[in-house]
C-alpha atoms as a PDB file:
ATOM      1  CA  MET A   1      91.935  88.603 191.590  1.00  0.00           C
ATOM      2  CA  HIS A   2      92.844  90.417 188.385  1.00  0.00           C
ATOM      3  CA  LEU A   3      96.095  89.599 186.569  1.00  0.00           C
ATOM      4  CA  ASP A   4      97.797  91.948 184.110  1.00  0.00           C
ATOM      5  CA  HIS A   5     100.859  89.784 183.633  1.00  0.00           C
ATOM      6  CA  ALA A   6     101.319  86.048 184.127  1.00  0.00           C
ATOM      7  CA  TYR A   7     102.934  83.063 182.493  1.00  0.00           C
ATOM      8  CA  GLY A   8     105.472  85.404 180.850  1.00  0.00           C
ATOM      9  CA  HIS A   9     102.802  87.387 178.995  1.00  0.00           C
ATOM     10  CA  ALA A  10     100.795  90.563 179.350  1.00  0.00           C
ATOM     11  CA  LEU A  11      97.128  89.656 179.753  1.00  0.00           C
ATOM     12  CA  ASP A  12      93.748  90.733 181.075  1.00  0.00           C
ATOM     13  CA  LEU A  13      92.525  87.868 183.260  1.00  0.00           C
ATOM     14  CA  ASP A  14      90.120  87.673 186.180  1.00  0.00           C
ATOM     15  CA  VAL A  15      90.895  84.708 188.432  1.00  0.00           C
ATOM     16  CA  TYR A  16      88.344  83.218 190.801  1.00  0.00           C
ATOM     17  CA  ARG A  17      89.454  80.799 193.480  1.00  0.00           C
ATOM     18  CA  PHE A  18      86.907  78.346 194.798  1.00  0.00           C
ATOM     19  CA  PRO A  19      87.472  75.251 196.927  1.00  0.00           C
ATOM     20  CA  PRO A  20      87.147  72.056 194.838  1.00  0.00           C
ATOM     21  CA  GLU A  21      84.089  71.069 196.894  1.00  0.00           C
ATOM     22  CA  ARG A  22      82.314  74.277 195.810  1.00  0.00           C
ATOM     23  CA  VAL A  23      83.216  73.707 192.153  1.00  0.00           C
ATOM     24  CA  ALA A  24      81.875  70.138 192.362  1.00  0.00           C
ATOM     25  CA  GLU A  25      78.674  71.450 193.982  1.00  0.00           C
ATOM     26  CA  LEU A  26      78.180  74.014 191.195  1.00  0.00           C
ATOM     27  CA  LEU A  27      78.755  71.321 188.578  1.00  0.00           C
ATOM     28  CA  ARG A  28      76.151  69.062 190.228  1.00  0.00           C
ATOM     29  CA  GLU A  29      73.668  71.948 190.349  1.00  0.00           C
ATOM     30  CA  ALA A  30      74.249  72.417 186.609  1.00  0.00           C
ATOM     31  CA  GLY A  31      73.347  68.755 186.021  1.00  0.00           C
ATOM     32  CA  LEU A  32      76.893  67.465 185.539  1.00  0.00           C
ATOM     33  CA  VAL A  33      78.461  64.396 187.137  1.00  0.00           C
ATOM     34  CA  GLU A  34      81.950  64.590 188.633  1.00  0.00           C
ATOM     35  CA  VAL A  35      84.243  62.035 187.016  1.00  0.00           C
ATOM     36  CA  ALA A  36      87.593  62.871 188.618  1.00  0.00           C
ATOM     37  CA  ARG A  37      89.266  65.371 190.921  1.00  0.00           C
ATOM     38  CA  LEU A  38      92.948  66.155 191.357  1.00  0.00           C
ATOM     39  CA  VAL A  39      94.250  68.410 194.129  1.00  0.00           C
ATOM     40  CA  ARG A  40      97.951  69.188 194.382  1.00  0.00           C
ATOM     41  CA  GLU A  41     100.152  71.409 196.495  1.00  0.00           C
ATOM     42  CA  ALA A  42     101.394  74.690 195.088  1.00  0.00           C
ATOM     43  CA  ASP A  43     104.574  74.587 193.019  1.00  0.00           C
ATOM     44  CA  ALA A  44     107.467  76.879 193.984  1.00  0.00           C
ATOM     45  CA  HIS A  45     106.143  79.718 191.769  1.00  0.00           C
ATOM     46  CA  GLU A  46     102.479  79.388 192.907  1.00  0.00           C
ATOM     47  CA  ASN A  47     100.797  80.881 195.959  1.00  0.00           C
ATOM     48  CA  THR A  48      98.002  78.370 196.491  1.00  0.00           C
ATOM     49  CA  PRO A  49      97.243  74.676 195.950  1.00  0.00           C
ATOM     50  CA  GLN A  50      95.697  73.813 192.582  1.00  0.00           C
ATOM     51  CA  ALA A  51      92.659  71.677 191.862  1.00  0.00           C
ATOM     52  CA  PHE A  52      91.168  70.236 188.684  1.00  0.00           C
ATOM     53  CA  VAL A  53      87.635  68.837 188.519  1.00  0.00           C
ATOM     54  CA  LEU A  54      86.529  66.793 185.509  1.00  0.00           C
ATOM     55  CA  ALA A  55      82.781  66.441 184.906  1.00  0.00           C
ATOM     56  CA  ARG A  56      80.462  65.153 182.203  1.00  0.00           C
ATOM     57  CA  ARG A  57      76.812  65.478 181.350  1.00  0.00           C
ATOM     58  CA  SER A  58      74.682  62.923 183.139  1.00  0.00           C
ATOM     59  CA  GLU A  59      73.320  60.046 181.078  1.00  0.00           C
ATOM     60  CA  PRO A  60      69.691  60.501 180.030  1.00  0.00           C
ATOM     61  CA  SER A  61      67.222  58.202 181.772  1.00  0.00           C
ATOM     62  CA  ALA A  62      65.928  55.338 179.641  1.00  0.00           C
END
């Protein structure tokens, strides 16, 4: 989806919506380790639920 106006500002933003499971899969494929995931319902002004995935680089093998 492309946004021209959001958050009270004119902007030029492409938004991609992926399920959190897909984001976590892409992170794993990139060699990252998921640390935390938060999924919440949409607020009154939002159309879809929101998710946040926190990842870190994996520890090097000793």
